Amino acid sequence: MIDTSTTQFQVQQLRLKNVWKELEFISVIVMIIFVNGLLPQLLLQYVYANAELFETPQALQVIPVVSFVIGTLTFLYVGIGNLLRETQARRLEASMISPVTPTVMASSANTSQLQAAMKSLEARTQRTAVTRKPAKLVATRPGKSKKTVTRRKSK
């Protein structure tokens, strides 16, 4: 038998991990934007300040390419990971919703015990339904009535 609370917890954790990975991806993209915008200026101001530049330094050409590659790989990693986790969460939800099919057939002794238990339960419910008395209505004030419950005697 599948424990639904455990399955619900697993589904919740998978979806929470998806949100966490998306947040990490957004933080990586924000960091890439700052690196692309600020790092070339900082390099020119502090590293290449005293040098006479006749061509663009190699570092300034590599920074956008490296940040693009990092952003693309992060996007693919997060996208594929979230897709796999979401399919796993949906599969767990489907297994939780679908009727549980027993994998092992019950033996005839278990079946006869279950049938005997069902018959005794039916007999008890029929006895209590027959022996119950309806509640009496007692007038307490004009226009209003109070329902009193008759108590059964314990056996």
N, C-alpha and C. Protein backbone atom coordinates (compact mmCIF):
# COMPACT_ATOMS: atom_id res chain seq x y z
N MET A 1 0.84 -1.17 0.00
CA MET A 1 0.00 0.00 0.00
C MET A 1 0.90 1.24 0.00
N ILE A 2 0.50 2.26 -0.70
CA ILE A 2 1.29 3.49 -0.81
C ILE A 2 0.87 4.44 0.30
N ASP A 3 1.84 4.98 1.01
CA ASP A 3 1.57 5.96 2.05
C ASP A 3 1.41 7.31 1.38
N THR A 4 0.20 7.86 1.43
CA THR A 4 -0.07 9.10 0.70
C THR A 4 0.64 10.30 1.32
N SER A 5 0.83 10.31 2.63
CA SER A 5 1.51 11.46 3.23
C SER A 5 2.97 11.51 2.81
N THR A 6 3.61 10.36 2.70
CA THR A 6 5.00 10.32 2.22
C THR A 6 5.08 10.75 0.77
N THR A 7 4.13 10.28 -0.03
CA THR A 7 4.12 10.65 -1.44
C THR A 7 3.87 12.13 -1.61
N GLN A 8 2.93 12.68 -0.85
CA GLN A 8 2.66 14.12 -0.92
C GLN A 8 3.88 14.92 -0.51
N PHE A 9 4.60 14.44 0.51
CA PHE A 9 5.81 15.12 0.94
C PHE A 9 6.86 15.09 -0.16
N GLN A 10 7.02 13.94 -0.83
CA GLN A 10 8.00 13.84 -1.92
C GLN A 10 7.66 14.78 -3.07
N VAL A 11 6.37 14.84 -3.41
CA VAL A 11 5.93 15.74 -4.49
C VAL A 11 6.21 17.19 -4.10
N GLN A 12 5.89 17.53 -2.86
CA GLN A 12 6.12 18.89 -2.39
C GLN A 12 7.61 19.23 -2.41
N GLN A 13 8.44 18.30 -2.00
CA GLN A 13 9.88 18.55 -2.00
C GLN A 13 10.43 18.71 -3.41
N LEU A 14 9.94 17.90 -4.35
CA LEU A 14 10.39 18.03 -5.74
C LEU A 14 10.02 19.39 -6.31
N ARG A 15 8.81 19.84 -6.05
CA ARG A 15 8.39 21.14 -6.58
C ARG A 15 9.11 22.28 -5.87
N LEU A 16 9.39 22.12 -4.59
CA LEU A 16 10.15 23.13 -3.87
C LEU A 16 11.58 23.22 -4.41
N LYS A 17 12.15 22.09 -4.76
CA LYS A 17 13.49 22.09 -5.34
C LYS A 17 13.49 22.77 -6.70
N ASN A 18 12.40 22.60 -7.47
CA ASN A 18 12.27 23.30 -8.75
C ASN A 18 12.30 24.81 -8.55
N VAL A 19 11.56 25.28 -7.57
CA VAL A 19 11.54 26.72 -7.29
C VAL A 19 12.92 27.19 -6.85
N TRP A 20 13.58 26.41 -6.03
CA TRP A 20 14.91 26.78 -5.55
C TRP A 20 15.91 26.86 -6.71
N LYS A 21 15.86 25.90 -7.63
CA LYS A 21 16.76 25.92 -8.79
C LYS A 21 16.46 27.12 -9.70
N GLU A 22 15.19 27.46 -9.86
CA GLU A 22 14.84 28.64 -10.66
C GLU A 22 15.39 29.91 -10.02
N LEU A 23 15.33 29.98 -8.70
CA LEU A 23 15.89 31.13 -8.00
C LEU A 23 17.40 31.20 -8.17
N GLU A 24 18.07 30.07 -8.13
CA GLU A 24 19.51 30.04 -8.37
C GLU A 24 19.82 30.50 -9.80
N PHE A 25 19.01 30.07 -10.75
CA PHE A 25 19.23 30.48 -12.14
C PHE A 25 19.08 31.99 -12.29
N ILE A 26 18.07 32.56 -11.68
CA ILE A 26 17.87 34.01 -11.75
C ILE A 26 19.05 34.74 -11.12
N SER A 27 19.55 34.24 -10.01
CA SER A 27 20.70 34.90 -9.38
C SER A 27 21.95 34.79 -10.26
N VAL A 28 22.13 33.67 -10.96
CA VAL A 28 23.28 33.54 -11.87
C VAL A 28 23.14 34.54 -13.03
N ILE A 29 21.95 34.69 -13.57
CA ILE A 29 21.74 35.63 -14.68
C ILE A 29 22.00 37.06 -14.24
N VAL A 30 21.54 37.42 -13.04
CA VAL A 30 21.79 38.77 -12.52
C VAL A 30 23.29 38.98 -12.35
N MET A 31 23.98 37.99 -11.84
CA MET A 31 25.43 38.11 -11.67
C MET A 31 26.13 38.24 -13.03
N ILE A 32 25.68 37.53 -14.03
CA ILE A 32 26.25 37.63 -15.37
C ILE A 32 26.05 39.04 -15.94
N ILE A 33 24.90 39.61 -15.72
CA ILE A 33 24.64 40.97 -16.20
C ILE A 33 25.60 41.96 -15.56
N PHE A 34 25.78 41.83 -14.25
CA PHE A 34 26.72 42.73 -13.57
C PHE A 34 28.16 42.52 -14.04
N VAL A 35 28.55 41.27 -14.23
CA VAL A 35 29.92 40.99 -14.70
C VAL A 35 30.13 41.58 -16.09
N ASN A 36 29.16 41.38 -16.99
CA ASN A 36 29.29 41.93 -18.35
C ASN A 36 29.30 43.46 -18.35
N GLY A 37 28.55 44.04 -17.47
CA GLY A 37 28.47 45.50 -17.46
C GLY A 37 29.60 46.19 -16.73
N LEU A 38 30.04 45.61 -15.62
CA LEU A 38 31.00 46.31 -14.77
C LEU A 38 32.44 45.83 -14.90
N LEU A 39 32.67 44.56 -15.13
CA LEU A 39 34.03 44.04 -15.15
C LEU A 39 34.91 44.66 -16.24
N PRO A 40 34.43 44.84 -17.48
CA PRO A 40 35.30 45.49 -18.47
C PRO A 40 35.71 46.91 -18.07
N GLN A 41 34.78 47.66 -17.52
CA GLN A 41 35.11 49.02 -17.09
C GLN A 41 36.12 49.00 -15.95
N LEU A 42 35.93 48.08 -15.00
CA LEU A 42 36.87 47.99 -13.88
C LEU A 42 38.26 47.57 -14.35
N LEU A 43 38.31 46.64 -15.29
CA LEU A 43 39.61 46.23 -15.83
C LEU A 43 40.31 47.39 -16.53
N LEU A 44 39.56 48.13 -17.33
CA LEU A 44 40.16 49.28 -18.03
C LEU A 44 40.63 50.35 -17.05
N GLN A 45 39.87 50.55 -16.00
CA GLN A 45 40.19 51.61 -15.05
C GLN A 45 41.38 51.25 -14.16
N TYR A 46 41.45 50.00 -13.68
CA TYR A 46 42.47 49.66 -12.70
C TYR A 46 43.63 48.83 -13.27
N VAL A 47 43.37 47.92 -14.18
CA VAL A 47 44.43 47.05 -14.68
C VAL A 47 45.16 47.70 -15.86
N TYR A 48 44.38 48.23 -16.79
CA TYR A 48 44.99 48.80 -17.98
C TYR A 48 45.08 50.32 -17.92
N ALA A 49 45.10 50.91 -16.75
CA ALA A 49 45.09 52.37 -16.60
C ALA A 49 46.38 53.01 -17.13
N ASN A 50 47.50 52.41 -16.85
CA ASN A 50 48.78 53.00 -17.25
C ASN A 50 49.24 52.53 -18.62
N ALA A 51 48.59 51.54 -19.18
CA ALA A 51 49.03 51.00 -20.46
C ALA A 51 48.36 51.75 -21.61
N GLU A 52 49.11 51.93 -22.69
CA GLU A 52 48.53 52.50 -23.88
C GLU A 52 47.97 51.35 -24.71
N LEU A 53 46.68 51.37 -24.94
CA LEU A 53 46.02 50.28 -25.65
C LEU A 53 45.80 50.66 -27.10
N PHE A 54 46.33 49.84 -28.01
CA PHE A 54 46.12 50.06 -29.43
C PHE A 54 45.08 49.09 -29.97
N GLU A 55 44.78 48.06 -29.20
CA GLU A 55 43.73 47.10 -29.56
C GLU A 55 43.04 46.64 -28.29
N THR A 56 41.89 46.00 -28.48
CA THR A 56 41.12 45.53 -27.34
C THR A 56 41.85 44.38 -26.68
N PRO A 57 42.02 44.45 -25.34
CA PRO A 57 42.69 43.35 -24.64
C PRO A 57 41.89 42.05 -24.76
N GLN A 58 42.61 40.95 -24.70
CA GLN A 58 41.99 39.62 -24.83
C GLN A 58 40.96 39.38 -23.72
N ALA A 59 41.22 39.85 -22.52
CA ALA A 59 40.30 39.65 -21.39
C ALA A 59 38.95 40.30 -21.66
N LEU A 60 38.96 41.46 -22.28
CA LEU A 60 37.69 42.14 -22.57
C LEU A 60 36.90 41.43 -23.66
N GLN A 61 37.55 40.69 -24.51
CA GLN A 61 36.85 39.92 -25.54
C GLN A 61 36.32 38.60 -25.00
N VAL A 62 36.99 38.05 -23.99
CA VAL A 62 36.61 36.74 -23.46
C VAL A 62 35.45 36.84 -22.45
N ILE A 63 35.37 37.95 -21.74
CA ILE A 63 34.35 38.08 -20.67
C ILE A 63 32.94 37.84 -21.20
N PRO A 64 32.48 38.48 -22.28
CA PRO A 64 31.11 38.21 -22.75
C PRO A 64 30.90 36.77 -23.20
N VAL A 65 31.92 36.18 -23.83
CA VAL A 65 31.77 34.80 -24.30
C VAL A 65 31.65 33.83 -23.12
N VAL A 66 32.51 34.01 -22.12
CA VAL A 66 32.47 33.13 -20.95
C VAL A 66 31.15 33.29 -20.20
N SER A 67 30.69 34.51 -20.03
CA SER A 67 29.43 34.72 -19.31
C SER A 67 28.25 34.15 -20.10
N PHE A 68 28.30 34.25 -21.44
CA PHE A 68 27.24 33.66 -22.25
C PHE A 68 27.22 32.14 -22.11
N VAL A 69 28.39 31.53 -22.14
CA VAL A 69 28.47 30.07 -22.00
C VAL A 69 27.98 29.64 -20.62
N ILE A 70 28.38 30.35 -19.58
CA ILE A 70 27.91 30.02 -18.22
C ILE A 70 26.40 30.15 -18.11
N GLY A 71 25.85 31.23 -18.67
CA GLY A 71 24.39 31.42 -18.64
C GLY A 71 23.65 30.34 -19.40
N THR A 72 24.16 29.97 -20.56
CA THR A 72 23.51 28.93 -21.37
C THR A 72 23.56 27.57 -20.67
N LEU A 73 24.72 27.22 -20.13
CA LEU A 73 24.84 25.93 -19.43
C LEU A 73 23.95 25.90 -18.18
N THR A 74 23.89 27.01 -17.48
CA THR A 74 23.02 27.07 -16.29
C THR A 74 21.56 26.92 -16.69
N PHE A 75 21.17 27.59 -17.78
CA PHE A 75 19.80 27.49 -18.26
C PHE A 75 19.45 26.04 -18.62
N LEU A 76 20.33 25.38 -19.34
CA LEU A 76 20.08 23.98 -19.71
C LEU A 76 20.03 23.06 -18.50
N TYR A 77 20.95 23.26 -17.57
CA TYR A 77 20.99 22.44 -16.35
C TYR A 77 19.70 22.60 -15.55
N VAL A 78 19.28 23.84 -15.34
CA VAL A 78 18.07 24.09 -14.55
C VAL A 78 16.84 23.63 -15.31
N GLY A 79 16.77 23.90 -16.60
CA GLY A 79 15.59 23.50 -17.39
C GLY A 79 15.40 22.00 -17.44
N ILE A 80 16.47 21.27 -17.74
CA ILE A 80 16.36 19.81 -17.81
C ILE A 80 16.09 19.21 -16.43
N GLY A 81 16.77 19.72 -15.41
CA GLY A 81 16.55 19.22 -14.05
C GLY A 81 15.12 19.45 -13.58
N ASN A 82 14.59 20.66 -13.83
CA ASN A 82 13.21 20.95 -13.42
C ASN A 82 12.21 20.11 -14.20
N LEU A 83 12.48 19.87 -15.47
CA LEU A 83 11.59 19.04 -16.27
C LEU A 83 11.56 17.60 -15.74
N LEU A 84 12.71 17.06 -15.40
CA LEU A 84 12.77 15.70 -14.85
C LEU A 84 12.08 15.62 -13.49
N ARG A 85 12.31 16.62 -12.63
CA ARG A 85 11.66 16.61 -11.32
C ARG A 85 10.15 16.76 -11.44
N GLU A 86 9.68 17.58 -12.39
CA GLU A 86 8.24 17.75 -12.56
C GLU A 86 7.59 16.48 -13.08
N THR A 87 8.24 15.77 -14.00
CA THR A 87 7.67 14.50 -14.47
C THR A 87 7.64 13.47 -13.35
N GLN A 88 8.66 13.48 -12.51
CA GLN A 88 8.67 12.55 -11.37
C GLN A 88 7.55 12.91 -10.39
N ALA A 89 7.33 14.21 -10.15
CA ALA A 89 6.25 14.64 -9.24
C ALA A 89 4.89 14.25 -9.80
N ARG A 90 4.70 14.43 -11.11
CA ARG A 90 3.42 14.05 -11.71
C ARG A 90 3.21 12.55 -11.66
N ARG A 91 4.28 11.78 -11.84
CA ARG A 91 4.17 10.33 -11.76
C ARG A 91 3.78 9.90 -10.34
N LEU A 92 4.37 10.55 -9.33
CA LEU A 92 4.02 10.23 -7.95
C LEU A 92 2.57 10.61 -7.65
N GLU A 93 2.12 11.76 -8.15
CA GLU A 93 0.73 12.15 -7.96
C GLU A 93 -0.22 11.17 -8.62
N ALA A 94 0.13 10.72 -9.81
CA ALA A 94 -0.72 9.76 -10.52
C ALA A 94 -0.79 8.44 -9.77
N SER A 95 0.32 8.01 -9.20
CA SER A 95 0.30 6.76 -8.43
C SER A 95 -0.50 6.92 -7.15
N MET A 96 -0.53 8.15 -6.63
CA MET A 96 -1.29 8.41 -5.40
C MET A 96 -2.78 8.44 -5.70
N ILE A 97 -3.16 8.92 -6.88
CA ILE A 97 -4.57 9.05 -7.23
C ILE A 97 -5.15 7.74 -7.75
N SER A 98 -4.39 7.00 -8.55
CA SER A 98 -4.89 5.78 -9.16
C SER A 98 -5.18 4.74 -8.09
N PRO A 99 -6.16 3.89 -8.34
CA PRO A 99 -6.47 2.85 -7.36
C PRO A 99 -5.30 1.89 -7.20
N VAL A 100 -5.11 1.48 -5.97
CA VAL A 100 -4.00 0.58 -5.66
C VAL A 100 -4.40 -0.83 -6.06
N THR A 101 -3.61 -1.47 -6.88
CA THR A 101 -3.89 -2.84 -7.28
C THR A 101 -2.99 -3.76 -6.48
N PRO A 102 -3.56 -4.76 -5.83
CA PRO A 102 -2.73 -5.65 -5.02
C PRO A 102 -1.85 -6.51 -5.92
N THR A 103 -0.62 -6.67 -5.50
CA THR A 103 0.31 -7.47 -6.29
C THR A 103 0.28 -8.93 -5.88
N VAL A 104 -0.12 -9.19 -4.67
CA VAL A 104 -0.17 -10.57 -4.19
C VAL A 104 -1.63 -10.91 -3.90
N MET A 105 -2.09 -12.03 -4.41
CA MET A 105 -3.46 -12.45 -4.17
C MET A 105 -3.60 -12.93 -2.72
N ALA A 106 -4.74 -12.62 -2.12
CA ALA A 106 -4.99 -13.04 -0.75
C ALA A 106 -5.29 -14.52 -0.72
N SER A 107 -4.83 -15.16 0.34
CA SER A 107 -5.08 -16.60 0.45
C SER A 107 -6.53 -16.83 0.84
N SER A 108 -7.00 -18.05 0.68
CA SER A 108 -8.40 -18.35 0.97
C SER A 108 -8.71 -18.21 2.45
N ALA A 109 -7.71 -18.45 3.31
CA ALA A 109 -7.93 -18.29 4.75
C ALA A 109 -8.17 -16.82 5.08
N ASN A 110 -7.40 -15.93 4.48
CA ASN A 110 -7.59 -14.50 4.72
C ASN A 110 -8.94 -14.04 4.19
N THR A 111 -9.35 -14.57 3.05
CA THR A 111 -10.63 -14.20 2.46
C THR A 111 -11.78 -14.64 3.36
N SER A 112 -11.70 -15.86 3.89
CA SER A 112 -12.78 -16.33 4.76
C SER A 112 -12.82 -15.53 6.06
N GLN A 113 -11.67 -15.16 6.58
CA GLN A 113 -11.65 -14.33 7.79
C GLN A 113 -12.27 -12.96 7.52
N LEU A 114 -11.96 -12.38 6.38
CA LEU A 114 -12.54 -11.08 6.02
C LEU A 114 -14.05 -11.18 5.85
N GLN A 115 -14.50 -12.25 5.21
CA GLN A 115 -15.94 -12.42 5.02
C GLN A 115 -16.65 -12.59 6.36
N ALA A 116 -16.05 -13.34 7.29
CA ALA A 116 -16.66 -13.52 8.61
C ALA A 116 -16.70 -12.20 9.36
N ALA A 117 -15.66 -11.42 9.27
CA ALA A 117 -15.63 -10.12 9.94
C ALA A 117 -16.69 -9.19 9.35
N MET A 118 -16.88 -9.21 8.04
CA MET A 118 -17.90 -8.38 7.40
C MET A 118 -19.30 -8.78 7.85
N LYS A 119 -19.56 -10.09 7.95
CA LYS A 119 -20.88 -10.55 8.38
C LYS A 119 -21.16 -10.13 9.82
N SER A 120 -20.16 -10.24 10.69
CA SER A 120 -20.39 -9.84 12.09
C SER A 120 -20.60 -8.34 12.18
N LEU A 121 -19.91 -7.57 11.38
CA LEU A 121 -20.09 -6.12 11.38
C LEU A 121 -21.47 -5.74 10.87
N GLU A 122 -21.93 -6.42 9.83
CA GLU A 122 -23.27 -6.18 9.31
C GLU A 122 -24.33 -6.52 10.36
N ALA A 123 -24.14 -7.63 11.07
CA ALA A 123 -25.10 -8.03 12.09
C ALA A 123 -25.15 -7.00 13.22
N ARG A 124 -23.99 -6.47 13.61
CA ARG A 124 -23.96 -5.45 14.67
C ARG A 124 -24.66 -4.17 14.23
N THR A 125 -24.42 -3.75 13.01
CA THR A 125 -25.05 -2.51 12.55
C THR A 125 -26.56 -2.67 12.39
N GLN A 126 -27.02 -3.85 12.00
CA GLN A 126 -28.45 -4.07 11.89
C GLN A 126 -29.10 -4.09 13.26
N ARG A 127 -28.42 -4.68 14.28
CA ARG A 127 -28.98 -4.70 15.64
C ARG A 127 -29.10 -3.30 16.21
N THR A 128 -28.08 -2.48 16.03
CA THR A 128 -28.14 -1.14 16.60
C THR A 128 -29.15 -0.28 15.87
N ALA A 129 -29.37 -0.51 14.58
CA ALA A 129 -30.35 0.27 13.84
C ALA A 129 -31.76 -0.09 14.29
N VAL A 130 -32.01 -1.34 14.64
CA VAL A 130 -33.34 -1.77 15.07
C VAL A 130 -33.62 -1.32 16.49
N THR A 131 -32.64 -1.36 17.39
CA THR A 131 -32.88 -1.07 18.81
C THR A 131 -32.86 0.41 19.14
N ARG A 132 -32.47 1.26 18.24
CA ARG A 132 -32.44 2.69 18.53
C ARG A 132 -33.84 3.27 18.61
N LYS A 133 -34.03 4.15 19.58
CA LYS A 133 -35.32 4.82 19.74
C LYS A 133 -35.22 6.23 19.18
N PRO A 134 -36.27 6.71 18.59
CA PRO A 134 -36.23 8.08 18.07
C PRO A 134 -36.20 9.09 19.23
N ALA A 135 -35.63 10.24 19.00
CA ALA A 135 -35.55 11.27 20.04
C ALA A 135 -36.91 11.90 20.24
N LYS A 136 -37.17 12.33 21.48
CA LYS A 136 -38.45 12.95 21.81
C LYS A 136 -38.27 14.46 21.79
N LEU A 137 -39.31 15.16 21.39
CA LEU A 137 -39.29 16.62 21.39
C LEU A 137 -40.05 17.11 22.62
N VAL A 138 -39.42 17.97 23.40
CA VAL A 138 -40.02 18.51 24.60
C VAL A 138 -40.11 20.01 24.43
N ALA A 139 -41.28 20.58 24.65
CA ALA A 139 -41.46 22.02 24.50
C ALA A 139 -40.89 22.72 25.73
N THR A 140 -39.96 23.64 25.54
CA THR A 140 -39.39 24.39 26.65
C THR A 140 -40.00 25.77 26.74
N ARG A 141 -40.21 26.41 25.63
CA ARG A 141 -40.86 27.72 25.57
C ARG A 141 -41.89 27.66 24.45
N PRO A 142 -42.84 28.55 24.52
CA PRO A 142 -43.82 28.54 23.43
C PRO A 142 -43.14 28.84 22.09
N GLY A 143 -43.39 28.03 21.12
CA GLY A 143 -42.85 28.25 19.78
C GLY A 143 -41.48 27.62 19.56
N LYS A 144 -40.81 27.17 20.63
CA LYS A 144 -39.50 26.54 20.47
C LYS A 144 -39.55 25.17 21.11
N SER A 145 -38.84 24.26 20.54
CA SER A 145 -38.79 22.92 21.10
C SER A 145 -37.34 22.51 21.26
N LYS A 146 -37.11 21.63 22.20
CA LYS A 146 -35.76 21.15 22.49
C LYS A 146 -35.73 19.65 22.22
N LYS A 147 -34.68 19.23 21.58
CA LYS A 147 -34.53 17.82 21.25
C LYS A 147 -33.80 17.13 22.39
N THR A 148 -34.39 16.07 22.91
CA THR A 148 -33.71 15.31 23.95
C THR A 148 -33.28 13.98 23.38
N VAL A 149 -32.17 13.55 23.82
CA VAL A 149 -31.62 12.29 23.31
C VAL A 149 -31.81 11.23 24.35
N THR A 150 -32.37 10.11 23.94
CA THR A 150 -32.53 9.00 24.88
C THR A 150 -31.25 8.19 24.90
N ARG A 151 -30.80 7.85 26.06
CA ARG A 151 -29.55 7.09 26.20
C ARG A 151 -29.85 5.62 26.20
N ARG A 152 -28.96 4.89 25.57
CA ARG A 152 -29.10 3.44 25.56
C ARG A 152 -28.46 2.87 26.80
N LYS A 153 -29.02 1.81 27.27
CA LYS A 153 -28.43 1.14 28.42
C LYS A 153 -27.29 0.27 27.92
N SER A 154 -26.17 0.34 28.65
CA SER A 154 -25.02 -0.49 28.26
C SER A 154 -25.27 -1.93 28.67
N LYS A 155 -24.79 -2.83 27.89
CA LYS A 155 -25.02 -4.25 28.15
C LYS A 155 -24.02 -4.81 29.09
